[in-house]
Amino acid sequence: MSASFHDPAEVERMVEALLFAAAGPLSLEDLQRRLPEGADAVAALQAVRDRYAGRGVELETVADRFRLRTAPDLAWLMTEEREEPRRLSKAALETLAIIAYHQPVTRADIEQVRGVSLNKGTLDLLLEMGFVRLRGRRRSPGRPVTYGTTDLFLEQFSLATLADLPGAAEMKAAGLLDMGVPAGFEVPDPSRAEDPVDLLSLDEGDDDAPEFAQDFVGEE
């Protein structure tokens, strides 16, 4: 193996090439697996970040993965070249916000916060778009399915982690908490929304679940 592979400048070039060619964000493990043995991917990432700081392209961290992206202040230059993103309805945005801040959350939980029944199509759309995933079943009667957000959700909204979600005041300013929430409603800490130990796996709950999942009972 050539010694040049351990030259920090050469490793930086390799990481830059990998990020440029990747179809999506790469994790540190992805980069390390592709680099020669002994190459320092962490130092190379920092070098790439420093070199691109303030330029037209910069290094961004999304859900513990890395990608090169256009500087936010220059996004307007690409407006005419990009497809119009699929827009979410107000109900879908409200549902997504509730899931993000309360996960793992059931359909009944979502309806309780919103104060209105939830159309099945809303959850189907969020699942189809990849913003929401099934987390598991609660150990409660009916074994209701719970929902949580995905890495694609973080990527779409340019969040490094769930801890970077805006607070209650920012959510209200954006209109995402203008939904008649119950008095005393507080935004929880979504960074603690790891898979709880009291959740059953989706398969694990099938034997004890009723014929129709609780999430869809009484739906119009």
N, C-alpha and C. Protein backbone atom coordinates (compact mmCIF):
# COMPACT_ATOMS: atom_id res chain seq x y z
N MET A 1 0.85 -1.19 0.00
CA MET A 1 0.00 0.00 0.00
C MET A 1 0.88 1.23 0.00
N SER A 2 0.65 2.15 -0.88
CA SER A 2 1.47 3.35 -0.98
C SER A 2 1.30 4.22 0.25
N ALA A 3 2.42 4.81 0.69
CA ALA A 3 2.39 5.66 1.86
C ALA A 3 1.51 6.89 1.65
N SER A 4 1.30 7.25 0.37
CA SER A 4 0.51 8.44 0.07
C SER A 4 -0.93 8.31 0.55
N PHE A 5 -1.41 7.06 0.74
CA PHE A 5 -2.76 6.85 1.20
C PHE A 5 -2.95 7.34 2.64
N HIS A 6 -1.83 7.52 3.37
CA HIS A 6 -1.93 7.99 4.74
C HIS A 6 -1.60 9.47 4.84
N ASP A 7 -1.30 10.10 3.71
CA ASP A 7 -1.08 11.54 3.68
C ASP A 7 -2.43 12.22 3.92
N PRO A 8 -2.57 13.07 4.95
CA PRO A 8 -3.86 13.71 5.26
C PRO A 8 -4.48 14.41 4.05
N ALA A 9 -3.65 15.06 3.23
CA ALA A 9 -4.19 15.76 2.06
C ALA A 9 -4.78 14.77 1.06
N GLU A 10 -4.14 13.61 0.91
CA GLU A 10 -4.64 12.60 -0.03
C GLU A 10 -5.93 11.97 0.48
N VAL A 11 -5.99 11.72 1.79
CA VAL A 11 -7.22 11.16 2.39
C VAL A 11 -8.36 12.16 2.25
N GLU A 12 -8.05 13.44 2.43
CA GLU A 12 -9.07 14.47 2.26
C GLU A 12 -9.62 14.45 0.84
N ARG A 13 -8.75 14.30 -0.16
CA ARG A 13 -9.19 14.23 -1.55
C ARG A 13 -10.12 13.03 -1.77
N MET A 14 -9.78 11.89 -1.15
CA MET A 14 -10.60 10.69 -1.30
C MET A 14 -11.99 10.90 -0.70
N VAL A 15 -12.03 11.48 0.51
CA VAL A 15 -13.31 11.73 1.17
C VAL A 15 -14.15 12.71 0.35
N GLU A 16 -13.50 13.73 -0.18
CA GLU A 16 -14.20 14.70 -1.02
C GLU A 16 -14.80 14.02 -2.24
N ALA A 17 -14.04 13.12 -2.86
CA ALA A 17 -14.53 12.41 -4.04
C ALA A 17 -15.71 11.51 -3.70
N LEU A 18 -15.64 10.82 -2.58
CA LEU A 18 -16.72 9.93 -2.16
C LEU A 18 -18.00 10.72 -1.89
N LEU A 19 -17.88 11.85 -1.19
CA LEU A 19 -19.04 12.67 -0.88
C LEU A 19 -19.65 13.25 -2.15
N PHE A 20 -18.81 13.64 -3.07
CA PHE A 20 -19.28 14.25 -4.32
C PHE A 20 -20.05 13.24 -5.17
N ALA A 21 -19.58 11.99 -5.19
CA ALA A 21 -20.19 10.98 -6.06
C ALA A 21 -21.36 10.24 -5.42
N ALA A 22 -21.51 10.34 -4.11
CA ALA A 22 -22.53 9.56 -3.40
C ALA A 22 -23.93 10.01 -3.77
N ALA A 23 -24.86 9.05 -3.87
CA ALA A 23 -26.25 9.35 -4.18
C ALA A 23 -26.98 9.94 -2.98
N GLY A 24 -26.45 9.68 -1.77
CA GLY A 24 -27.06 10.20 -0.55
C GLY A 24 -26.00 10.41 0.51
N PRO A 25 -26.40 10.88 1.69
CA PRO A 25 -25.44 11.11 2.77
C PRO A 25 -24.70 9.82 3.15
N LEU A 26 -23.42 9.95 3.52
CA LEU A 26 -22.59 8.82 3.92
C LEU A 26 -22.26 8.91 5.40
N SER A 27 -22.32 7.77 6.08
CA SER A 27 -21.93 7.73 7.49
C SER A 27 -20.42 7.63 7.59
N LEU A 28 -19.92 7.83 8.80
CA LEU A 28 -18.48 7.69 9.04
C LEU A 28 -18.04 6.27 8.71
N GLU A 29 -18.90 5.29 9.04
CA GLU A 29 -18.57 3.89 8.75
C GLU A 29 -18.51 3.64 7.23
N ASP A 30 -19.42 4.28 6.48
CA ASP A 30 -19.41 4.15 5.02
C ASP A 30 -18.08 4.64 4.45
N LEU A 31 -17.65 5.79 4.93
CA LEU A 31 -16.40 6.37 4.43
C LEU A 31 -15.20 5.52 4.82
N GLN A 32 -15.18 5.11 6.11
CA GLN A 32 -14.03 4.35 6.59
C GLN A 32 -13.89 3.02 5.85
N ARG A 33 -15.04 2.42 5.49
CA ARG A 33 -15.03 1.14 4.80
C ARG A 33 -14.43 1.27 3.39
N ARG A 34 -14.60 2.44 2.77
CA ARG A 34 -14.11 2.64 1.41
C ARG A 34 -12.67 3.15 1.36
N LEU A 35 -12.21 3.73 2.45
CA LEU A 35 -10.86 4.29 2.49
C LEU A 35 -9.82 3.20 2.76
N PRO A 36 -8.57 3.44 2.40
CA PRO A 36 -7.50 2.48 2.71
C PRO A 36 -7.37 2.31 4.22
N GLU A 37 -6.92 1.16 4.64
CA GLU A 37 -6.75 0.87 6.06
C GLU A 37 -5.79 1.88 6.68
N GLY A 38 -6.19 2.41 7.83
CA GLY A 38 -5.35 3.36 8.53
C GLY A 38 -5.65 4.81 8.20
N ALA A 39 -6.48 5.06 7.18
CA ALA A 39 -6.81 6.43 6.81
C ALA A 39 -7.73 7.05 7.87
N ASP A 40 -7.49 8.29 8.21
CA ASP A 40 -8.26 8.99 9.25
C ASP A 40 -9.42 9.75 8.61
N ALA A 41 -10.60 9.13 8.60
CA ALA A 41 -11.77 9.74 7.97
C ALA A 41 -12.26 10.95 8.76
N VAL A 42 -12.15 10.89 10.09
CA VAL A 42 -12.63 11.99 10.94
C VAL A 42 -11.85 13.27 10.64
N ALA A 43 -10.53 13.16 10.60
CA ALA A 43 -9.70 14.32 10.31
C ALA A 43 -9.96 14.84 8.90
N ALA A 44 -10.17 13.91 7.96
CA ALA A 44 -10.43 14.31 6.58
C ALA A 44 -11.76 15.06 6.46
N LEU A 45 -12.78 14.60 7.19
CA LEU A 45 -14.07 15.28 7.17
C LEU A 45 -13.95 16.70 7.71
N GLN A 46 -13.20 16.85 8.79
CA GLN A 46 -13.01 18.17 9.36
C GLN A 46 -12.26 19.08 8.39
N ALA A 47 -11.28 18.51 7.68
CA ALA A 47 -10.53 19.29 6.70
C ALA A 47 -11.44 19.74 5.55
N VAL A 48 -12.31 18.82 5.09
CA VAL A 48 -13.26 19.17 4.03
C VAL A 48 -14.21 20.26 4.52
N ARG A 49 -14.70 20.12 5.76
CA ARG A 49 -15.62 21.11 6.32
C ARG A 49 -14.96 22.49 6.37
N ASP A 50 -13.71 22.53 6.85
CA ASP A 50 -13.00 23.80 6.97
C ASP A 50 -12.74 24.42 5.59
N ARG A 51 -12.37 23.57 4.63
CA ARG A 51 -12.02 24.10 3.31
C ARG A 51 -13.23 24.66 2.58
N TYR A 52 -14.40 24.05 2.79
CA TYR A 52 -15.59 24.50 2.09
C TYR A 52 -16.39 25.54 2.86
N ALA A 53 -15.98 25.86 4.08
CA ALA A 53 -16.72 26.82 4.90
C ALA A 53 -16.81 28.17 4.17
N GLY A 54 -18.03 28.68 4.03
CA GLY A 54 -18.23 29.96 3.40
C GLY A 54 -18.22 29.94 1.88
N ARG A 55 -18.07 28.75 1.28
CA ARG A 55 -18.04 28.66 -0.18
C ARG A 55 -19.43 28.29 -0.72
N GLY A 56 -19.52 28.11 -2.02
CA GLY A 56 -20.81 27.82 -2.63
C GLY A 56 -21.34 26.43 -2.31
N VAL A 57 -20.44 25.52 -1.96
CA VAL A 57 -20.79 24.17 -1.54
C VAL A 57 -20.20 23.96 -0.16
N GLU A 58 -20.93 23.30 0.73
CA GLU A 58 -20.44 23.09 2.08
C GLU A 58 -20.79 21.69 2.56
N LEU A 59 -20.08 21.25 3.60
CA LEU A 59 -20.34 19.94 4.18
C LEU A 59 -21.44 20.04 5.21
N GLU A 60 -22.44 19.17 5.09
CA GLU A 60 -23.57 19.18 6.00
C GLU A 60 -23.69 17.83 6.70
N THR A 61 -24.06 17.85 7.97
CA THR A 61 -24.29 16.64 8.75
C THR A 61 -25.79 16.42 8.90
N VAL A 62 -26.26 15.25 8.49
CA VAL A 62 -27.68 14.91 8.56
C VAL A 62 -27.82 13.53 9.15
N ALA A 63 -28.45 13.45 10.35
CA ALA A 63 -28.68 12.15 10.99
C ALA A 63 -27.37 11.35 11.09
N ASP A 64 -26.30 12.01 11.54
CA ASP A 64 -24.99 11.39 11.71
C ASP A 64 -24.40 10.91 10.39
N ARG A 65 -24.83 11.48 9.29
CA ARG A 65 -24.26 11.20 7.98
C ARG A 65 -23.81 12.52 7.34
N PHE A 66 -22.98 12.41 6.33
CA PHE A 66 -22.35 13.60 5.76
C PHE A 66 -22.64 13.70 4.26
N ARG A 67 -22.80 14.94 3.78
CA ARG A 67 -23.02 15.16 2.36
C ARG A 67 -22.56 16.57 1.99
N LEU A 68 -22.23 16.75 0.73
CA LEU A 68 -21.94 18.07 0.19
C LEU A 68 -23.24 18.64 -0.36
N ARG A 69 -23.53 19.88 -0.02
CA ARG A 69 -24.75 20.50 -0.50
C ARG A 69 -24.50 21.96 -0.83
N THR A 70 -25.39 22.52 -1.64
CA THR A 70 -25.30 23.92 -1.98
C THR A 70 -25.51 24.77 -0.74
N ALA A 71 -24.73 25.84 -0.60
CA ALA A 71 -24.90 26.75 0.53
C ALA A 71 -26.34 27.26 0.54
N PRO A 72 -27.00 27.27 1.71
CA PRO A 72 -28.41 27.65 1.78
C PRO A 72 -28.72 29.01 1.15
N ASP A 73 -27.80 29.97 1.28
CA ASP A 73 -28.09 31.30 0.76
C ASP A 73 -28.02 31.37 -0.76
N LEU A 74 -27.55 30.28 -1.40
CA LEU A 74 -27.48 30.24 -2.87
C LEU A 74 -28.52 29.31 -3.48
N ALA A 75 -29.39 28.78 -2.65
CA ALA A 75 -30.39 27.82 -3.13
C ALA A 75 -31.28 28.43 -4.21
N TRP A 76 -31.48 29.75 -4.16
CA TRP A 76 -32.36 30.40 -5.14
C TRP A 76 -31.84 30.24 -6.57
N LEU A 77 -30.52 30.03 -6.70
CA LEU A 77 -29.95 29.88 -8.04
C LEU A 77 -30.45 28.62 -8.74
N MET A 78 -30.81 27.60 -7.95
CA MET A 78 -31.24 26.32 -8.50
C MET A 78 -32.76 26.17 -8.56
N THR A 79 -33.48 27.20 -8.21
CA THR A 79 -34.94 27.10 -8.09
C THR A 79 -35.59 26.60 -9.37
N GLU A 80 -35.18 27.13 -10.51
CA GLU A 80 -35.81 26.77 -11.77
C GLU A 80 -35.44 25.37 -12.23
N GLU A 81 -34.38 24.79 -11.65
CA GLU A 81 -33.91 23.49 -12.09
C GLU A 81 -34.43 22.35 -11.22
N ARG A 82 -35.14 22.66 -10.16
CA ARG A 82 -35.59 21.63 -9.24
C ARG A 82 -37.08 21.37 -9.42
N GLU A 83 -37.46 20.11 -9.20
CA GLU A 83 -38.87 19.76 -9.25
C GLU A 83 -39.58 20.32 -8.02
N GLU A 84 -40.84 20.68 -8.21
CA GLU A 84 -41.64 21.16 -7.09
C GLU A 84 -41.84 20.02 -6.10
N PRO A 85 -41.42 20.19 -4.84
CA PRO A 85 -41.57 19.09 -3.87
C PRO A 85 -43.04 18.79 -3.58
N ARG A 86 -43.30 17.57 -3.24
CA ARG A 86 -44.66 17.17 -2.90
C ARG A 86 -45.07 17.88 -1.61
N ARG A 87 -46.14 18.61 -1.64
CA ARG A 87 -46.54 19.41 -0.49
C ARG A 87 -47.41 18.58 0.46
N LEU A 88 -47.19 18.79 1.74
CA LEU A 88 -48.00 18.14 2.76
C LEU A 88 -49.16 19.04 3.15
N SER A 89 -50.31 18.44 3.39
CA SER A 89 -51.46 19.20 3.84
C SER A 89 -51.23 19.66 5.28
N LYS A 90 -52.06 20.59 5.73
CA LYS A 90 -51.95 21.08 7.11
C LYS A 90 -52.13 19.92 8.10
N ALA A 91 -53.06 19.02 7.80
CA ALA A 91 -53.29 17.88 8.69
C ALA A 91 -52.05 16.98 8.74
N ALA A 92 -51.42 16.78 7.57
CA ALA A 92 -50.23 15.94 7.53
C ALA A 92 -49.08 16.58 8.28
N LEU A 93 -48.90 17.90 8.13
CA LEU A 93 -47.84 18.61 8.86
C LEU A 93 -48.07 18.55 10.36
N GLU A 94 -49.31 18.73 10.78
CA GLU A 94 -49.63 18.65 12.20
C GLU A 94 -49.34 17.25 12.73
N THR A 95 -49.76 16.24 11.97
CA THR A 95 -49.53 14.85 12.38
C THR A 95 -48.04 14.55 12.46
N LEU A 96 -47.28 15.01 11.48
CA LEU A 96 -45.83 14.78 11.47
C LEU A 96 -45.17 15.47 12.66
N ALA A 97 -45.61 16.68 12.98
CA ALA A 97 -45.05 17.40 14.12
C ALA A 97 -45.33 16.66 15.42
N ILE A 98 -46.55 16.15 15.58
CA ILE A 98 -46.91 15.41 16.79
C ILE A 98 -46.07 14.15 16.92
N ILE A 99 -45.92 13.43 15.82
CA ILE A 99 -45.10 12.21 15.85
C ILE A 99 -43.67 12.54 16.21
N ALA A 100 -43.12 13.60 15.62
CA ALA A 100 -41.73 13.97 15.87
C ALA A 100 -41.50 14.29 17.34
N TYR A 101 -42.43 14.99 17.97
CA TYR A 101 -42.23 15.44 19.34
C TYR A 101 -42.71 14.45 20.40
N HIS A 102 -43.54 13.49 20.03
CA HIS A 102 -44.10 12.57 21.03
C HIS A 102 -43.71 11.12 20.81
N GLN A 103 -42.92 10.81 19.79
CA GLN A 103 -42.62 9.41 19.45
C GLN A 103 -41.98 8.66 20.61
N PRO A 104 -42.30 7.34 20.69
CA PRO A 104 -43.23 6.58 19.85
C PRO A 104 -44.68 6.89 20.23
N VAL A 105 -45.53 7.13 19.25
CA VAL A 105 -46.88 7.60 19.49
C VAL A 105 -47.87 6.75 18.69
N THR A 106 -49.05 6.51 19.27
CA THR A 106 -50.08 5.73 18.58
C THR A 106 -51.04 6.67 17.85
N ARG A 107 -51.86 6.06 17.02
CA ARG A 107 -52.89 6.84 16.31
C ARG A 107 -53.80 7.55 17.30
N ALA A 108 -54.18 6.85 18.37
CA ALA A 108 -55.05 7.45 19.38
C ALA A 108 -54.38 8.65 20.06
N ASP A 109 -53.06 8.55 20.30
CA ASP A 109 -52.32 9.67 20.89
C ASP A 109 -52.38 10.89 19.98
N ILE A 110 -52.19 10.66 18.69
CA ILE A 110 -52.21 11.75 17.72
C ILE A 110 -53.57 12.44 17.72
N GLU A 111 -54.63 11.62 17.72
CA GLU A 111 -55.99 12.18 17.71
C GLU A 111 -56.27 12.96 18.98
N GLN A 112 -55.72 12.50 20.11
CA GLN A 112 -55.94 13.19 21.38
C GLN A 112 -55.29 14.58 21.36
N VAL A 113 -54.09 14.68 20.83
CA VAL A 113 -53.40 15.96 20.77
C VAL A 113 -54.09 16.90 19.78
N ARG A 114 -54.45 16.37 18.60
CA ARG A 114 -55.09 17.20 17.57
C ARG A 114 -56.53 17.55 17.92
N GLY A 115 -57.18 16.69 18.70
CA GLY A 115 -58.56 16.94 19.08
C GLY A 115 -59.57 16.55 18.03
N VAL A 116 -59.10 15.92 16.94
CA VAL A 116 -60.00 15.46 15.88
C VAL A 116 -59.54 14.08 15.42
N SER A 117 -60.45 13.34 14.76
CA SER A 117 -60.09 12.03 14.26
C SER A 117 -59.09 12.16 13.12
N LEU A 118 -58.27 11.15 12.95
CA LEU A 118 -57.21 11.17 11.94
C LEU A 118 -57.59 10.30 10.76
N ASN A 119 -57.54 10.88 9.59
CA ASN A 119 -57.80 10.13 8.37
C ASN A 119 -56.66 9.16 8.13
N LYS A 120 -56.99 7.90 7.85
CA LYS A 120 -55.96 6.89 7.61
C LYS A 120 -55.02 7.29 6.49
N GLY A 121 -55.55 8.01 5.49
CA GLY A 121 -54.72 8.43 4.37
C GLY A 121 -53.58 9.34 4.77
N THR A 122 -53.73 10.08 5.88
CA THR A 122 -52.67 10.98 6.33
C THR A 122 -51.46 10.19 6.77
N LEU A 123 -51.67 9.16 7.59
CA LEU A 123 -50.56 8.32 8.03
C LEU A 123 -49.98 7.53 6.86
N ASP A 124 -50.85 7.06 5.99
CA ASP A 124 -50.37 6.32 4.81
C ASP A 124 -49.43 7.18 3.97
N LEU A 125 -49.78 8.46 3.81
CA LEU A 125 -48.96 9.37 3.01
C LEU A 125 -47.59 9.57 3.66
N LEU A 126 -47.57 9.77 4.98
CA LEU A 126 -46.30 10.00 5.68
C LEU A 126 -45.42 8.75 5.64
N LEU A 127 -46.06 7.58 5.71
CA LEU A 127 -45.31 6.33 5.60
C LEU A 127 -44.77 6.16 4.18
N GLU A 128 -45.61 6.48 3.19
CA GLU A 128 -45.22 6.34 1.79
C GLU A 128 -44.07 7.27 1.44
N MET A 129 -44.07 8.47 1.98
CA MET A 129 -43.02 9.44 1.70
C MET A 129 -41.74 9.14 2.48
N GLY A 130 -41.82 8.21 3.42
CA GLY A 130 -40.63 7.81 4.16
C GLY A 130 -40.29 8.70 5.34
N PHE A 131 -41.20 9.61 5.73
CA PHE A 131 -40.95 10.49 6.87
C PHE A 131 -41.26 9.80 8.20
N VAL A 132 -42.11 8.77 8.15
CA VAL A 132 -42.58 8.09 9.35
C VAL A 132 -42.37 6.59 9.20
N ARG A 133 -42.07 5.91 10.30
CA ARG A 133 -41.92 4.46 10.29
C ARG A 133 -42.68 3.86 11.48
N LEU A 134 -42.96 2.56 11.38
CA LEU A 134 -43.57 1.84 12.48
C LEU A 134 -42.50 1.54 13.52
N ARG A 135 -42.80 1.81 14.79
CA ARG A 135 -41.79 1.62 15.85
C ARG A 135 -41.97 0.31 16.61
N GLY A 136 -43.20 -0.15 16.73
CA GLY A 136 -43.47 -1.36 17.52
C GLY A 136 -44.87 -1.27 18.10
N ARG A 137 -45.23 -2.24 18.96
CA ARG A 137 -46.55 -2.25 19.57
C ARG A 137 -46.44 -1.99 21.07
N ARG A 138 -47.39 -1.26 21.62
CA ARG A 138 -47.43 -1.00 23.05
C ARG A 138 -47.92 -2.24 23.79
N ARG A 139 -47.44 -2.41 25.00
CA ARG A 139 -47.92 -3.51 25.85
C ARG A 139 -49.21 -3.08 26.56
N SER A 140 -50.21 -2.75 25.79
CA SER A 140 -51.49 -2.33 26.33
C SER A 140 -52.58 -3.05 25.54
N PRO A 141 -53.81 -3.05 26.06
CA PRO A 141 -54.88 -3.76 25.36
C PRO A 141 -54.98 -3.35 23.90
N GLY A 142 -55.07 -4.34 23.03
CA GLY A 142 -55.15 -4.09 21.60
C GLY A 142 -53.80 -4.01 20.92
N ARG A 143 -52.71 -3.96 21.73
CA ARG A 143 -51.36 -3.89 21.16
C ARG A 143 -51.27 -2.85 20.04
N PRO A 144 -51.64 -1.57 20.33
CA PRO A 144 -51.64 -0.56 19.25
C PRO A 144 -50.25 -0.32 18.68
N VAL A 145 -50.20 -0.09 17.39
CA VAL A 145 -48.95 0.20 16.70
C VAL A 145 -48.51 1.62 17.04
N THR A 146 -47.20 1.82 17.21
CA THR A 146 -46.66 3.15 17.45
C THR A 146 -45.85 3.62 16.24
N TYR A 147 -45.73 4.93 16.12
CA TYR A 147 -45.04 5.54 14.99
C TYR A 147 -43.91 6.45 15.46
N GLY A 148 -42.89 6.58 14.62
CA GLY A 148 -41.78 7.49 14.88
C GLY A 148 -41.26 8.03 13.57
N THR A 149 -40.35 8.99 13.64
CA THR A 149 -39.79 9.60 12.44
C THR A 149 -38.59 8.80 11.94
N THR A 150 -38.14 9.12 10.72
CA THR A 150 -37.04 8.41 10.07
C THR A 150 -35.87 9.36 9.83
N ASP A 151 -34.75 8.79 9.36
CA ASP A 151 -33.60 9.62 8.98
C ASP A 151 -33.95 10.52 7.80
N LEU A 152 -34.86 10.04 6.93
CA LEU A 152 -35.28 10.87 5.79
C LEU A 152 -35.99 12.13 6.27
N PHE A 153 -36.73 12.02 7.37
CA PHE A 153 -37.38 13.20 7.97
C PHE A 153 -36.32 14.21 8.38
N LEU A 154 -35.26 13.73 9.05
CA LEU A 154 -34.18 14.62 9.46
C LEU A 154 -33.52 15.26 8.24
N GLU A 155 -33.28 14.45 7.21
CA GLU A 155 -32.64 14.96 6.00
C GLU A 155 -33.51 16.01 5.32
N GLN A 156 -34.81 15.74 5.21
CA GLN A 156 -35.72 16.65 4.52
C GLN A 156 -35.78 18.01 5.20
N PHE A 157 -35.71 18.01 6.53
CA PHE A 157 -35.83 19.26 7.28
C PHE A 157 -34.48 19.77 7.78
N SER A 158 -33.38 19.19 7.22
CA SER A 158 -32.00 19.65 7.51
C SER A 158 -31.71 19.66 9.01
N LEU A 159 -32.02 18.53 9.67
CA LEU A 159 -31.75 18.38 11.10
C LEU A 159 -30.67 17.34 11.29
N ALA A 160 -29.66 17.64 12.11
CA ALA A 160 -28.61 16.67 12.38
C ALA A 160 -29.16 15.55 13.26
N THR A 161 -29.94 15.91 14.29
CA THR A 161 -30.56 14.94 15.19
C THR A 161 -31.92 15.47 15.61
N LEU A 162 -32.70 14.64 16.30
CA LEU A 162 -34.00 15.09 16.80
C LEU A 162 -33.86 16.20 17.83
N ALA A 163 -32.70 16.27 18.49
CA ALA A 163 -32.47 17.32 19.47
C ALA A 163 -32.46 18.70 18.84
N ASP A 164 -32.30 18.76 17.51
CA ASP A 164 -32.27 20.05 16.81
C ASP A 164 -33.65 20.53 16.39
N LEU A 165 -34.70 19.79 16.73
CA LEU A 165 -36.05 20.24 16.43
C LEU A 165 -36.32 21.56 17.16
N PRO A 166 -37.07 22.47 16.54
CA PRO A 166 -37.36 23.76 17.18
C PRO A 166 -38.21 23.60 18.43
N GLY A 167 -38.15 24.59 19.30
CA GLY A 167 -38.94 24.57 20.53
C GLY A 167 -40.37 24.98 20.29
N ALA A 168 -41.15 25.04 21.36
CA ALA A 168 -42.58 25.32 21.25
C ALA A 168 -42.85 26.68 20.61
N ALA A 169 -42.08 27.72 21.00
CA ALA A 169 -42.32 29.06 20.46
C ALA A 169 -42.09 29.08 18.96
N GLU A 170 -41.04 28.42 18.51
CA GLU A 170 -40.74 28.38 17.08
C GLU A 170 -41.81 27.60 16.32
N MET A 171 -42.29 26.50 16.93
CA MET A 171 -43.33 25.70 16.29
C MET A 171 -44.61 26.52 16.12
N LYS A 172 -44.96 27.31 17.15
CA LYS A 172 -46.16 28.13 17.06
C LYS A 172 -45.98 29.21 15.99
N ALA A 173 -44.80 29.79 15.93
CA ALA A 173 -44.53 30.83 14.93
C ALA A 173 -44.65 30.28 13.52
N ALA A 174 -44.30 28.98 13.36
CA ALA A 174 -44.39 28.34 12.05
C ALA A 174 -45.79 27.83 11.74
N GLY A 175 -46.69 27.95 12.73
CA GLY A 175 -48.06 27.50 12.52
C GLY A 175 -48.28 26.03 12.77
N LEU A 176 -47.26 25.32 13.29
CA LEU A 176 -47.39 23.89 13.48
C LEU A 176 -48.02 23.51 14.81
N LEU A 177 -48.18 24.47 15.70
CA LEU A 177 -48.88 24.20 16.95
C LEU A 177 -50.20 24.96 17.01
N ASP A 178 -50.61 25.53 15.89
CA ASP A 178 -51.89 26.23 15.80
C ASP A 178 -52.97 25.24 15.46
N MET A 179 -53.20 24.31 16.39
CA MET A 179 -54.11 23.21 16.09
C MET A 179 -55.04 22.92 17.26
N GLY A 180 -55.27 23.93 18.11
CA GLY A 180 -56.18 23.72 19.22
C GLY A 180 -55.69 22.66 20.18
N VAL A 181 -54.40 22.71 20.54
CA VAL A 181 -53.85 21.70 21.44
C VAL A 181 -54.41 21.89 22.84
N PRO A 182 -54.42 20.84 23.65
CA PRO A 182 -54.96 20.95 24.99
C PRO A 182 -54.22 21.98 25.83
N ALA A 183 -54.91 22.56 26.81
CA ALA A 183 -54.29 23.53 27.70
C ALA A 183 -53.14 22.88 28.45
N GLY A 184 -52.07 23.61 28.61
CA GLY A 184 -50.92 23.08 29.32
C GLY A 184 -50.03 22.20 28.48
N PHE A 185 -50.29 22.16 27.18
CA PHE A 185 -49.47 21.32 26.29
C PHE A 185 -48.02 21.80 26.31
N GLU A 186 -47.10 20.87 26.47
CA GLU A 186 -45.68 21.19 26.45
C GLU A 186 -44.99 20.32 25.41
N VAL A 187 -43.99 20.89 24.76
CA VAL A 187 -43.21 20.13 23.78
C VAL A 187 -42.20 19.27 24.53
N PRO A 188 -42.26 17.95 24.41
CA PRO A 188 -41.31 17.07 25.08
C PRO A 188 -39.92 17.17 24.45
N ASP A 189 -38.97 16.46 25.03
CA ASP A 189 -37.62 16.41 24.48
C ASP A 189 -37.55 15.24 23.51
N PRO A 190 -37.59 15.49 22.19
CA PRO A 190 -37.63 14.39 21.23
C PRO A 190 -36.31 13.63 21.16
N SER A 191 -35.22 14.22 21.68
CA SER A 191 -33.93 13.53 21.62
C SER A 191 -33.92 12.30 22.52
N ARG A 192 -34.91 12.18 23.41
CA ARG A 192 -34.99 11.01 24.29
C ARG A 192 -35.89 9.92 23.71
N ALA A 193 -36.32 10.10 22.47
CA ALA A 193 -37.29 9.17 21.87
C ALA A 193 -36.61 7.94 21.29
N GLU A 194 -35.78 7.28 22.07
CA GLU A 194 -35.19 6.02 21.63
C GLU A 194 -36.23 4.92 21.79
N ASP A 195 -36.00 3.77 21.18
CA ASP A 195 -36.95 2.67 21.28
C ASP A 195 -37.09 2.23 22.73
N PRO A 196 -38.25 2.44 23.35
CA PRO A 196 -38.42 2.07 24.76
C PRO A 196 -38.41 0.55 24.93
N VAL A 197 -37.97 0.11 26.11
CA VAL A 197 -37.89 -1.33 26.36
C VAL A 197 -39.28 -1.94 26.52
N ASP A 198 -40.31 -1.12 26.78
CA ASP A 198 -41.64 -1.69 26.98
C ASP A 198 -42.42 -1.83 25.68
N LEU A 199 -41.78 -1.58 24.53
CA LEU A 199 -42.44 -1.78 23.25
C LEU A 199 -42.22 -3.19 22.75
N LEU A 200 -43.27 -3.79 22.23
CA LEU A 200 -43.16 -5.08 21.56
C LEU A 200 -42.78 -4.86 20.11
N SER A 201 -42.09 -5.82 19.51
CA SER A 201 -41.84 -5.73 18.08
C SER A 201 -43.16 -5.90 17.35
N LEU A 202 -43.22 -5.51 16.10
CA LEU A 202 -44.46 -5.62 15.35
C LEU A 202 -44.91 -7.06 15.22
N ASP A 203 -43.98 -7.98 14.98
CA ASP A 203 -44.31 -9.40 14.87
C ASP A 203 -44.68 -9.99 16.22
N GLU A 204 -44.01 -9.51 17.26
CA GLU A 204 -44.22 -10.05 18.59
C GLU A 204 -45.64 -9.81 19.09
N GLY A 205 -46.24 -8.71 18.63
CA GLY A 205 -47.58 -8.39 19.10
C GLY A 205 -48.68 -9.03 18.29
N ASP A 206 -48.35 -9.70 17.19
CA ASP A 206 -49.39 -10.23 16.31
C ASP A 206 -50.24 -11.31 16.96
N ASP A 207 -49.61 -12.19 17.77
CA ASP A 207 -50.35 -13.31 18.33
C ASP A 207 -51.44 -12.85 19.29
N ASP A 208 -51.18 -11.75 20.02
CA ASP A 208 -52.13 -11.30 21.02
C ASP A 208 -53.03 -10.18 20.51
N ALA A 209 -52.77 -9.71 19.29
CA ALA A 209 -53.54 -8.58 18.76
C ALA A 209 -54.90 -9.04 18.31
N PRO A 210 -55.92 -8.16 18.38
CA PRO A 210 -57.25 -8.51 17.88
C PRO A 210 -57.22 -8.64 16.37
N GLU A 211 -58.32 -9.11 15.82
CA GLU A 211 -58.37 -9.33 14.38
C GLU A 211 -58.13 -8.04 13.61
N PHE A 212 -58.67 -6.93 14.14
CA PHE A 212 -58.44 -5.63 13.53
C PHE A 212 -57.59 -4.80 14.47
N ALA A 213 -56.52 -4.22 13.96
CA ALA A 213 -55.63 -3.42 14.80
C ALA A 213 -56.40 -2.24 15.38
N GLN A 214 -56.08 -1.91 16.61
CA GLN A 214 -56.79 -0.84 17.30
C GLN A 214 -56.69 0.48 16.56
N ASP A 215 -55.57 0.68 15.85
CA ASP A 215 -55.35 1.95 15.17
C ASP A 215 -56.41 2.26 14.14
N PHE A 216 -57.11 1.25 13.62
CA PHE A 216 -58.03 1.49 12.53
C PHE A 216 -59.49 1.28 12.93
N VAL A 217 -59.74 0.98 14.20
CA VAL A 217 -61.11 0.75 14.66
C VAL A 217 -61.85 2.08 14.71
N GLY A 218 -63.06 2.10 14.26
CA GLY A 218 -63.89 3.29 14.34
C GLY A 218 -63.54 4.34 13.32
N GLU A 219 -62.78 3.98 12.32
CA GLU A 219 -62.36 4.96 11.31
C GLU A 219 -63.46 5.18 10.29
N GLU A 220 -63.60 6.44 9.91
CA GLU A 220 -64.61 6.76 8.89
C GLU A 220 -63.95 6.91 7.55
